Amino acid sequence: MTVIVRNQTPLVVPTSVRRKAGFRNGQEVEFKASDGVITIVPKPTKDDDAYTPEQRRLIDARLAEGLADLKAGRVHGPFATHKEFIASLHAEARKLKRKRTVRSAR
């Protein structure tokens, strides 16, 4: 759909376009403009980013584990090239390689 922009006329987003974008009546939206492009995005509500207390505890616990790993030095990298990364993976795989077990013949 094409509209003509005029000085005195406000720019109106047609109902069919709003419907396709999933905007609801009364919903707040944000306008972002950059390099001749206007982007309209829904403004997040407080409910969109809310976690239950149980979810928050789980997230906080996993973040704490990750921070503990960082402090203890249980991290790898950063790598300057993909070859360094692959070499590190192979070295770790050699450390974890299990001994082959002998299976009895049936």
N, C-alpha and C. Protein backbone atom coordinates (compact mmCIF):
# COMPACT_ATOMS: atom_id res chain seq x y z
N MET A 1 0.84 -1.17 0.00
CA MET A 1 0.00 0.00 0.00
C MET A 1 0.89 1.24 0.00
N THR A 2 0.53 2.22 -0.76
CA THR A 2 1.31 3.44 -0.88
C THR A 2 0.46 4.64 -0.49
N VAL A 3 1.05 5.57 0.26
CA VAL A 3 0.36 6.81 0.62
C VAL A 3 1.27 7.97 0.27
N ILE A 4 0.69 9.14 0.12
CA ILE A 4 1.47 10.35 -0.19
C ILE A 4 1.63 11.16 1.09
N VAL A 5 2.85 11.54 1.41
CA VAL A 5 3.13 12.33 2.60
C VAL A 5 3.01 13.80 2.23
N ARG A 6 2.21 14.54 2.98
CA ARG A 6 2.02 15.97 2.76
C ARG A 6 2.36 16.71 4.06
N ASN A 7 2.68 17.99 3.95
CA ASN A 7 3.10 18.79 5.10
C ASN A 7 2.04 18.84 6.21
N GLN A 8 0.80 19.07 5.86
CA GLN A 8 -0.24 19.29 6.86
C GLN A 8 -0.97 18.00 7.27
N THR A 9 -0.74 16.91 6.56
CA THR A 9 -1.48 15.68 6.81
C THR A 9 -0.67 14.72 7.67
N PRO A 10 -1.25 14.24 8.78
CA PRO A 10 -0.52 13.26 9.58
C PRO A 10 -0.42 11.93 8.82
N LEU A 11 0.65 11.22 9.08
CA LEU A 11 0.85 9.92 8.44
C LEU A 11 0.04 8.88 9.20
N VAL A 12 -0.81 8.16 8.51
CA VAL A 12 -1.70 7.19 9.13
C VAL A 12 -1.34 5.80 8.63
N VAL A 13 -1.20 4.86 9.55
CA VAL A 13 -0.94 3.47 9.18
C VAL A 13 -2.29 2.80 8.94
N PRO A 14 -2.53 2.29 7.74
CA PRO A 14 -3.82 1.69 7.44
C PRO A 14 -4.13 0.49 8.34
N THR A 15 -5.42 0.28 8.58
CA THR A 15 -5.87 -0.80 9.45
C THR A 15 -5.36 -2.16 9.00
N SER A 16 -5.37 -2.42 7.71
CA SER A 16 -4.94 -3.73 7.20
C SER A 16 -3.46 -3.97 7.51
N VAL A 17 -2.64 -2.91 7.45
CA VAL A 17 -1.21 -3.04 7.74
C VAL A 17 -1.01 -3.28 9.24
N ARG A 18 -1.75 -2.54 10.07
CA ARG A 18 -1.64 -2.74 11.53
C ARG A 18 -2.06 -4.15 11.90
N ARG A 19 -3.11 -4.65 11.25
CA ARG A 19 -3.60 -6.00 11.54
C ARG A 19 -2.53 -7.04 11.18
N LYS A 20 -1.91 -6.88 9.99
CA LYS A 20 -0.86 -7.82 9.57
C LYS A 20 0.33 -7.79 10.51
N ALA A 21 0.63 -6.61 11.07
CA ALA A 21 1.76 -6.48 11.99
C ALA A 21 1.41 -7.02 13.38
N GLY A 22 0.13 -7.23 13.65
CA GLY A 22 -0.27 -7.78 14.94
C GLY A 22 -0.45 -6.72 16.02
N PHE A 23 -0.58 -5.45 15.63
CA PHE A 23 -0.80 -4.39 16.61
C PHE A 23 -2.25 -4.43 17.10
N ARG A 24 -2.43 -4.23 18.40
CA ARG A 24 -3.77 -4.22 18.99
C ARG A 24 -4.20 -2.77 19.25
N ASN A 25 -5.49 -2.56 19.33
CA ASN A 25 -6.03 -1.24 19.60
C ASN A 25 -5.59 -0.79 21.00
N GLY A 26 -5.06 0.41 21.11
CA GLY A 26 -4.62 0.94 22.40
C GLY A 26 -3.20 0.56 22.77
N GLN A 27 -2.54 -0.27 21.97
CA GLN A 27 -1.17 -0.71 22.25
C GLN A 27 -0.19 0.44 21.99
N GLU A 28 0.81 0.57 22.86
CA GLU A 28 1.84 1.59 22.66
C GLU A 28 2.89 1.07 21.67
N VAL A 29 3.34 1.96 20.79
CA VAL A 29 4.36 1.60 19.81
C VAL A 29 5.50 2.62 19.87
N GLU A 30 6.67 2.20 19.43
CA GLU A 30 7.84 3.07 19.37
C GLU A 30 8.20 3.30 17.91
N PHE A 31 8.60 4.51 17.58
CA PHE A 31 9.04 4.85 16.24
C PHE A 31 10.55 5.03 16.26
N LYS A 32 11.23 4.37 15.34
CA LYS A 32 12.68 4.49 15.20
C LYS A 32 12.97 4.92 13.77
N ALA A 33 13.81 5.93 13.61
CA ALA A 33 14.13 6.43 12.27
C ALA A 33 15.63 6.39 12.06
N SER A 34 16.04 5.86 10.90
CA SER A 34 17.46 5.78 10.58
C SER A 34 17.62 5.66 9.07
N ASP A 35 18.43 6.52 8.49
CA ASP A 35 18.76 6.48 7.07
C ASP A 35 17.52 6.39 6.16
N GLY A 36 16.53 7.22 6.43
CA GLY A 36 15.36 7.26 5.57
C GLY A 36 14.37 6.13 5.79
N VAL A 37 14.54 5.34 6.84
CA VAL A 37 13.64 4.23 7.13
C VAL A 37 13.00 4.47 8.49
N ILE A 38 11.69 4.36 8.55
CA ILE A 38 10.97 4.46 9.82
C ILE A 38 10.51 3.06 10.21
N THR A 39 10.87 2.65 11.40
CA THR A 39 10.49 1.34 11.91
C THR A 39 9.53 1.55 13.08
N ILE A 40 8.41 0.85 13.06
CA ILE A 40 7.44 0.93 14.14
C ILE A 40 7.44 -0.42 14.85
N VAL A 41 7.75 -0.42 16.14
CA VAL A 41 7.81 -1.66 16.90
C VAL A 41 6.93 -1.52 18.15
N PRO A 42 6.31 -2.62 18.59
CA PRO A 42 5.49 -2.53 19.80
C PRO A 42 6.37 -2.26 21.01
N LYS A 43 5.91 -1.39 21.88
CA LYS A 43 6.64 -1.10 23.10
C LYS A 43 6.38 -2.25 24.07
N PRO A 44 7.45 -2.86 24.59
CA PRO A 44 7.25 -4.01 25.48
C PRO A 44 6.54 -3.58 26.77
N THR A 45 5.61 -4.39 27.20
CA THR A 45 4.92 -4.13 28.45
C THR A 45 5.66 -4.81 29.59
N LYS A 46 5.31 -4.47 30.79
CA LYS A 46 5.96 -5.08 31.95
C LYS A 46 5.73 -6.59 31.98
N ASP A 47 4.54 -7.03 31.52
CA ASP A 47 4.22 -8.45 31.53
C ASP A 47 5.03 -9.24 30.51
N ASP A 48 5.48 -8.59 29.42
CA ASP A 48 6.23 -9.29 28.38
C ASP A 48 7.58 -9.78 28.88
N ASP A 49 8.14 -9.09 29.85
CA ASP A 49 9.49 -9.42 30.31
C ASP A 49 9.47 -10.00 31.73
N ALA A 50 8.32 -10.41 32.20
CA ALA A 50 8.21 -10.89 33.58
C ALA A 50 8.50 -12.38 33.65
N TYR A 51 9.22 -12.77 34.69
CA TYR A 51 9.47 -14.18 34.98
C TYR A 51 8.78 -14.52 36.29
N THR A 52 8.39 -15.77 36.42
CA THR A 52 7.84 -16.20 37.69
C THR A 52 8.99 -16.27 38.69
N PRO A 53 8.70 -16.24 39.99
CA PRO A 53 9.78 -16.35 40.97
C PRO A 53 10.61 -17.62 40.79
N GLU A 54 9.97 -18.72 40.43
CA GLU A 54 10.70 -19.98 40.22
C GLU A 54 11.65 -19.86 39.03
N GLN A 55 11.19 -19.25 37.94
CA GLN A 55 12.04 -19.04 36.77
C GLN A 55 13.20 -18.12 37.11
N ARG A 56 12.93 -17.07 37.88
CA ARG A 56 13.98 -16.13 38.27
C ARG A 56 15.04 -16.82 39.12
N ARG A 57 14.61 -17.68 40.06
CA ARG A 57 15.58 -18.43 40.91
C ARG A 57 16.46 -19.32 40.05
N LEU A 58 15.86 -20.01 39.07
CA LEU A 58 16.61 -20.89 38.19
C LEU A 58 17.62 -20.09 37.36
N ILE A 59 17.19 -18.97 36.82
CA ILE A 59 18.08 -18.12 36.02
C ILE A 59 19.23 -17.61 36.89
N ASP A 60 18.91 -17.12 38.08
CA ASP A 60 19.95 -16.60 38.98
C ASP A 60 20.94 -17.69 39.38
N ALA A 61 20.44 -18.92 39.63
CA ALA A 61 21.32 -20.02 40.01
C ALA A 61 22.28 -20.37 38.87
N ARG A 62 21.77 -20.40 37.64
CA ARG A 62 22.64 -20.74 36.50
C ARG A 62 23.64 -19.62 36.21
N LEU A 63 23.22 -18.38 36.40
CA LEU A 63 24.17 -17.27 36.25
C LEU A 63 25.27 -17.37 37.29
N ALA A 64 24.91 -17.72 38.52
CA ALA A 64 25.91 -17.87 39.59
C ALA A 64 26.90 -18.99 39.25
N GLU A 65 26.40 -20.11 38.69
CA GLU A 65 27.29 -21.19 38.27
C GLU A 65 28.27 -20.72 37.21
N GLY A 66 27.76 -19.98 36.24
CA GLY A 66 28.62 -19.48 35.17
C GLY A 66 29.68 -18.52 35.69
N LEU A 67 29.30 -17.65 36.61
CA LEU A 67 30.26 -16.73 37.19
C LEU A 67 31.31 -17.46 38.02
N ALA A 68 30.89 -18.52 38.72
CA ALA A 68 31.84 -19.32 39.49
C ALA A 68 32.84 -20.00 38.57
N ASP A 69 32.38 -20.50 37.42
CA ASP A 69 33.28 -21.11 36.44
C ASP A 69 34.29 -20.08 35.93
N LEU A 70 33.83 -18.87 35.67
CA LEU A 70 34.74 -17.82 35.21
C LEU A 70 35.80 -17.52 36.26
N LYS A 71 35.37 -17.37 37.51
CA LYS A 71 36.31 -17.05 38.59
C LYS A 71 37.32 -18.17 38.81
N ALA A 72 36.88 -19.43 38.63
CA ALA A 72 37.76 -20.58 38.84
C ALA A 72 38.64 -20.87 37.63
N GLY A 73 38.42 -20.15 36.54
CA GLY A 73 39.24 -20.35 35.35
C GLY A 73 38.82 -21.53 34.49
N ARG A 74 37.61 -22.02 34.68
CA ARG A 74 37.11 -23.16 33.90
C ARG A 74 36.46 -22.65 32.61
N VAL A 75 37.23 -21.93 31.83
CA VAL A 75 36.74 -21.41 30.55
C VAL A 75 37.82 -21.64 29.50
N HIS A 76 37.44 -21.55 28.26
CA HIS A 76 38.38 -21.71 27.15
C HIS A 76 38.29 -20.47 26.27
N GLY A 77 39.40 -20.13 25.65
CA GLY A 77 39.40 -19.00 24.72
C GLY A 77 39.77 -17.71 25.42
N PRO A 78 39.68 -16.62 24.75
CA PRO A 78 39.20 -16.43 23.39
C PRO A 78 40.21 -16.94 22.37
N PHE A 79 39.73 -17.25 21.20
CA PHE A 79 40.55 -17.78 20.14
C PHE A 79 40.68 -16.75 19.03
N ALA A 80 41.88 -16.62 18.49
CA ALA A 80 42.11 -15.65 17.42
C ALA A 80 41.60 -16.17 16.07
N THR A 81 41.65 -17.49 15.89
CA THR A 81 41.20 -18.07 14.62
C THR A 81 40.37 -19.31 14.89
N HIS A 82 39.67 -19.76 13.86
CA HIS A 82 38.90 -20.99 14.00
C HIS A 82 39.82 -22.20 14.17
N LYS A 83 41.04 -22.12 13.63
CA LYS A 83 41.97 -23.24 13.77
C LYS A 83 42.39 -23.42 15.23
N GLU A 84 42.58 -22.30 15.95
CA GLU A 84 42.90 -22.39 17.38
C GLU A 84 41.74 -23.02 18.14
N PHE A 85 40.52 -22.66 17.77
CA PHE A 85 39.35 -23.22 18.43
C PHE A 85 39.26 -24.72 18.21
N ILE A 86 39.45 -25.16 16.98
CA ILE A 86 39.38 -26.59 16.66
C ILE A 86 40.49 -27.35 17.36
N ALA A 87 41.69 -26.79 17.41
CA ALA A 87 42.79 -27.44 18.12
C ALA A 87 42.46 -27.60 19.59
N SER A 88 41.83 -26.60 20.18
CA SER A 88 41.43 -26.69 21.58
C SER A 88 40.39 -27.78 21.78
N LEU A 89 39.44 -27.89 20.86
CA LEU A 89 38.43 -28.95 20.96
C LEU A 89 39.08 -30.34 20.90
N HIS A 90 40.03 -30.51 20.00
CA HIS A 90 40.71 -31.81 19.89
C HIS A 90 41.50 -32.12 21.16
N ALA A 91 42.15 -31.13 21.73
CA ALA A 91 42.91 -31.34 22.96
C ALA A 91 41.98 -31.75 24.10
N GLU A 92 40.84 -31.11 24.21
CA GLU A 92 39.88 -31.48 25.26
C GLU A 92 39.31 -32.87 25.01
N ALA A 93 39.10 -33.24 23.76
CA ALA A 93 38.57 -34.57 23.44
C ALA A 93 39.58 -35.65 23.82
N ARG A 94 40.88 -35.37 23.62
CA ARG A 94 41.90 -36.35 24.01
C ARG A 94 41.91 -36.55 25.52
N LYS A 95 41.66 -35.48 26.27
CA LYS A 95 41.62 -35.60 27.73
C LYS A 95 40.44 -36.45 28.19
N LEU A 96 39.35 -36.36 27.47
CA LEU A 96 38.13 -37.05 27.88
C LEU A 96 37.99 -38.45 27.29
N LYS A 97 38.90 -38.82 26.41
CA LYS A 97 38.80 -40.10 25.73
C LYS A 97 38.81 -41.24 26.76
N ARG A 98 37.85 -42.11 26.64
CA ARG A 98 37.77 -43.23 27.57
C ARG A 98 38.58 -44.41 27.04
N LYS A 99 39.00 -45.24 27.96
CA LYS A 99 39.66 -46.48 27.54
C LYS A 99 38.63 -47.40 26.97
N ARG A 100 39.02 -48.16 25.97
CA ARG A 100 38.08 -49.11 25.37
C ARG A 100 37.89 -50.28 26.31
N THR A 101 36.65 -50.71 26.45
CA THR A 101 36.36 -51.84 27.32
C THR A 101 36.30 -53.11 26.47
N VAL A 102 36.73 -54.19 27.04
CA VAL A 102 36.70 -55.47 26.36
C VAL A 102 35.35 -56.10 26.63
N ARG A 103 34.66 -56.45 25.58
CA ARG A 103 33.34 -57.05 25.72
C ARG A 103 33.47 -58.56 25.48
N SER A 104 32.71 -59.27 26.24
CA SER A 104 32.75 -60.72 26.09
C SER A 104 31.98 -61.13 24.85
N ALA A 105 32.46 -62.15 24.17
CA ALA A 105 31.81 -62.66 22.97
C ALA A 105 30.64 -63.55 23.39
N ARG A 106 29.57 -63.48 22.68
CA ARG A 106 28.40 -64.31 23.00
C ARG A 106 28.28 -65.45 22.07
